[in-house]
């Protein structure tokens, strides 16, 4: 996704997921997102960057550059990586204030919540908390 407002990104994601007919197609799309997400720099794929609360290993590395947030991530499970790619792509290029003010409600609106396991939802929540915490730190 390019540098667009979170409102525009939300609408684009809703439109994209409406085109996918069922849960299986949505999961395939997530896997594709994970495969296409930029590769995490190896020096950031370390134990200290592992998120807790994830059933699979999920590494997360946030950066603030020119007033906007950017996120590197990687995971050892494709669906988890796709979910993380979706969330990280959504918030990349947003300001810390935009991140704090915008919840990823599109996940429910797109029908994803009903197609991912409780453990993956927990991991996604952990990632959202980490993104939000990073944004809060930038405003301090």
Protein backbone atom coordinates (compact mmCIF):
# COMPACT_ATOMS: atom_id res chain seq x y z
CA UNK A 1 0.00 0.00 0.00
CA UNK A 2 1.20 3.48 -0.75
CA UNK A 3 1.10 6.52 1.51
CA UNK A 4 -2.67 6.99 1.83
CA UNK A 5 -4.87 7.95 4.71
CA UNK A 6 -6.06 5.18 6.98
CA UNK A 7 -9.66 5.94 5.99
CA UNK A 8 -8.81 5.30 2.32
CA UNK A 9 -6.87 2.16 3.23
CA UNK A 10 -9.87 0.92 5.25
CA UNK A 11 -12.25 1.36 2.31
CA UNK A 12 -9.80 -0.27 -0.11
CA UNK A 13 -9.43 -3.30 2.16
CA UNK A 14 -13.18 -3.63 2.60
CA UNK A 15 -13.65 -3.53 -1.19
CA UNK A 16 -10.88 -6.09 -1.71
CA UNK A 17 -12.30 -8.54 0.82
CA UNK A 18 -15.83 -8.14 -0.57
CA UNK A 19 -14.48 -9.49 -3.85
CA UNK A 20 -13.27 -12.67 -2.14
CA UNK A 21 -16.20 -15.10 -2.03
CA UNK A 22 -15.42 -17.14 1.09
CA UNK A 23 -13.13 -17.76 4.03
CA UNK A 24 -10.80 -20.01 2.07
CA UNK A 25 -10.19 -17.31 -0.56
CA UNK A 26 -9.60 -14.74 2.19
CA UNK A 27 -7.02 -16.98 3.85
CA UNK A 28 -5.28 -17.50 0.48
CA UNK A 29 -5.20 -13.74 0.05
CA UNK A 30 -3.60 -13.36 3.50
CA UNK A 31 -0.94 -15.91 2.61
CA UNK A 32 -0.21 -13.95 -0.57
CA UNK A 33 0.12 -10.74 1.45
CA UNK A 34 2.59 -12.45 3.77
CA UNK A 35 4.70 -13.72 0.88
CA UNK A 36 4.75 -10.28 -0.74
CA UNK A 37 5.59 -8.30 2.39
CA UNK A 38 9.12 -6.85 2.38
CA UNK A 39 11.66 -9.18 3.93
CA UNK A 40 12.66 -8.33 7.48
CA UNK A 41 16.29 -7.37 7.88
CA UNK A 42 18.10 -10.31 9.50
CA UNK A 43 19.55 -8.23 12.35
CA UNK A 44 15.99 -7.53 13.55
CA UNK A 45 14.86 -11.16 13.47
CA UNK A 46 16.06 -11.75 17.01
CA UNK A 47 14.48 -13.07 20.19
CA UNK A 48 14.05 -9.61 21.71
CA UNK A 49 11.74 -8.68 18.81
CA UNK A 50 9.46 -11.71 19.20
CA UNK A 51 5.91 -10.78 20.19
CA UNK A 52 4.35 -12.56 23.12
CA UNK A 53 0.86 -13.97 22.81
CA UNK A 54 1.44 -15.48 19.38
CA UNK A 55 1.21 -19.23 18.90
CA UNK A 56 3.73 -18.99 16.06
CA UNK A 57 6.88 -16.92 16.13
CA UNK A 58 6.21 -13.33 15.06
CA UNK A 59 9.02 -10.81 14.94
CA UNK A 60 8.20 -7.10 14.89
CA UNK A 61 10.47 -4.09 14.34
CA UNK A 62 8.93 -0.59 14.25
CA UNK A 63 10.69 2.54 12.96
CA UNK A 64 9.74 6.22 12.85
CA UNK A 65 11.02 8.03 9.76
CA UNK A 66 10.10 11.55 8.65
CA UNK A 67 7.18 11.61 11.08
CA UNK A 68 5.55 8.38 9.90
CA UNK A 69 5.72 4.84 11.21
CA UNK A 70 7.09 1.88 9.28
CA UNK A 71 6.99 -1.74 10.33
CA UNK A 72 9.14 -4.73 9.56
CA UNK A 73 7.83 -8.13 10.54
CA UNK A 74 8.26 -11.80 9.87
CA UNK A 75 6.57 -14.96 11.08
CA UNK A 76 7.18 -18.68 10.80
CA UNK A 77 3.54 -19.49 9.91
CA UNK A 78 2.08 -18.22 6.65
CA UNK A 79 -1.40 -17.24 7.88
CA UNK A 80 0.09 -15.44 10.87
CA UNK A 81 2.56 -13.70 8.56
CA UNK A 82 -0.30 -12.69 6.26
CA UNK A 83 -2.34 -11.27 9.13
CA UNK A 84 0.70 -9.38 10.40
CA UNK A 85 1.42 -8.12 6.87
CA UNK A 86 -2.16 -6.89 6.60
CA UNK A 87 -1.97 -4.97 9.87
CA UNK A 88 1.57 -3.65 9.34
CA UNK A 89 0.75 -2.54 5.77
CA UNK A 90 -2.35 -0.81 7.04
CA UNK A 91 -0.44 1.26 9.60
CA UNK A 92 2.76 1.83 7.59
CA UNK A 93 3.15 5.46 6.50
CA UNK A 94 0.69 6.65 9.16
CA UNK A 95 1.63 9.17 11.81
CA UNK A 96 1.70 8.08 15.44
CA UNK A 97 -1.45 10.15 16.11
CA UNK A 98 -3.30 8.46 13.23
CA UNK A 99 -2.31 5.02 14.53
CA UNK A 100 -3.55 5.78 18.02
CA UNK A 101 -6.83 7.20 16.71
CA UNK A 102 -7.62 4.37 14.28
CA UNK A 103 -8.61 0.87 15.31
CA UNK A 104 -8.42 -1.85 12.64
CA UNK A 105 -12.21 -2.29 12.51
CA UNK A 106 -11.91 -3.40 8.90
CA UNK A 107 -10.87 -6.85 10.19
CA UNK A 108 -14.40 -7.46 11.43
CA UNK A 109 -16.03 -5.61 8.55
CA UNK A 110 -14.10 -7.76 6.06
CA UNK A 111 -15.29 -10.95 7.68
CA UNK A 112 -11.81 -12.05 8.74
CA UNK A 113 -12.57 -12.39 12.44
CA UNK A 114 -14.83 -15.38 11.76
CA UNK A 115 -12.21 -17.18 9.67
CA UNK A 116 -9.16 -17.05 11.91
CA UNK A 117 -8.54 -19.09 15.02
CA UNK A 118 -8.73 -17.65 18.51
CA UNK A 119 -4.96 -18.05 18.92
CA UNK A 120 -4.33 -16.07 15.72
CA UNK A 121 -6.76 -13.40 16.90
CA UNK A 122 -4.76 -13.23 20.15
CA UNK A 123 -1.54 -12.81 18.17
CA UNK A 124 -3.14 -10.11 16.03
CA UNK A 125 -4.26 -8.28 19.17
CA UNK A 126 -0.72 -8.50 20.53
CA UNK A 127 0.62 -6.99 17.31
CA UNK A 128 -1.97 -4.18 17.43
CA UNK A 129 -0.97 -3.41 21.03
CA UNK A 130 2.69 -3.30 20.00
CA UNK A 131 1.96 -0.96 17.09
CA UNK A 132 -0.13 1.28 19.35
CA UNK A 133 2.52 1.27 22.10
CA UNK A 134 5.22 2.25 19.59
CA UNK A 135 3.05 5.12 18.33
CA UNK A 136 2.39 6.30 21.89
CA UNK A 137 6.12 6.30 22.62
CA UNK A 138 6.71 8.55 19.61
CA UNK A 139 4.30 11.16 20.96
CA UNK A 140 5.98 11.29 24.38
